[in-house]
């Protein structure tokens, strides 16, 4: 299951057939009573990433917790909540009971958890929409506890912690306080002004991308956002950010929301180089068009490609051996 889960997280689901996954799942179910507790929790996470049903596994974990609550470690609590988040649309009754049991364990033993685990739990609980499962429509106590502690420990947060907090606010309802988000933004503005080289470019892109999602959902105007877009423009002078395809969509979403002309001009400048050297150049243009960016200046490159393609097809058609040639 570890290898199946790894293939899927790396973006190679085609390396694993669903039939083989089901076979492994059925074989694993046979050994549930014999597995150590930590292996059951690891399997719960693996099953969730592979989108397998795991109601019987949740029942076995709940049974072990009831027998010996000391088995539950902070790492396992975080792993269960992460697993439930990944597969949240397929949760059954036992899964929901397990999620609430994991959250209650955190609420009873908050000092056992480090800051990284708390940020991860904050993101997981927010993504699970547990407040809608509550008849009184109240926020889970654990969520409020973490929010309060993070406000006090802003200067201890690392980049990954901040991204997890932003992921949480993408899902949190409008009535949840924005005090933590506002304080984080002010802290990062100060850091950019005084010591910008301590912030990684990849973090800046992710930060602005998630902020754009939050601002769109809440119709919220973010102050001093030009500090971030100008910093990205400056870095694009010496960093070819768009050479990494996974960031192109994020960069264009940032432009689409914040509408910085200086920013999009720099994006186009980098794309002029990329479009001549990468096979996926038309995918790049499709991204641009999707986000309402004018692509007229790139149409010459498109024409050159199609002219070359038509010449090649014409040559193959007229060649006497063309019926023996296989198109590449």
Foldseek 3Di string as FASTA:
>chain_A
DVVCLVCVVVPNNVVDDVVVVVVVVVVVLVCLVPDDLVVLLVVLQSCLSVLHDCLVSLVSNVVVCVVPVVVDALVSLLSLLNSCLSNVVRDDPSSVVSNVVSLVVCVVPVVRDDLVSLLSNLLSQLSNCCLVVDPVSDRDPSNVVSLVVCVVVVVVDDLVSVLSNLSSLLRHDLPPDCPSVLVNVVVVLVCLVPPVVVDDLVSLLSVLLSVLSNCVVNVDDDPPCVSSLVVNLVCLVPDLVVVPVVSLLSQLSSCLRPVDPSNVVSVVVSLVVVLVPDPCNVVSVVSCVVSVHDCVVVVVVVVVVVVVVVVVVVVLVPDPCSVVDDDD
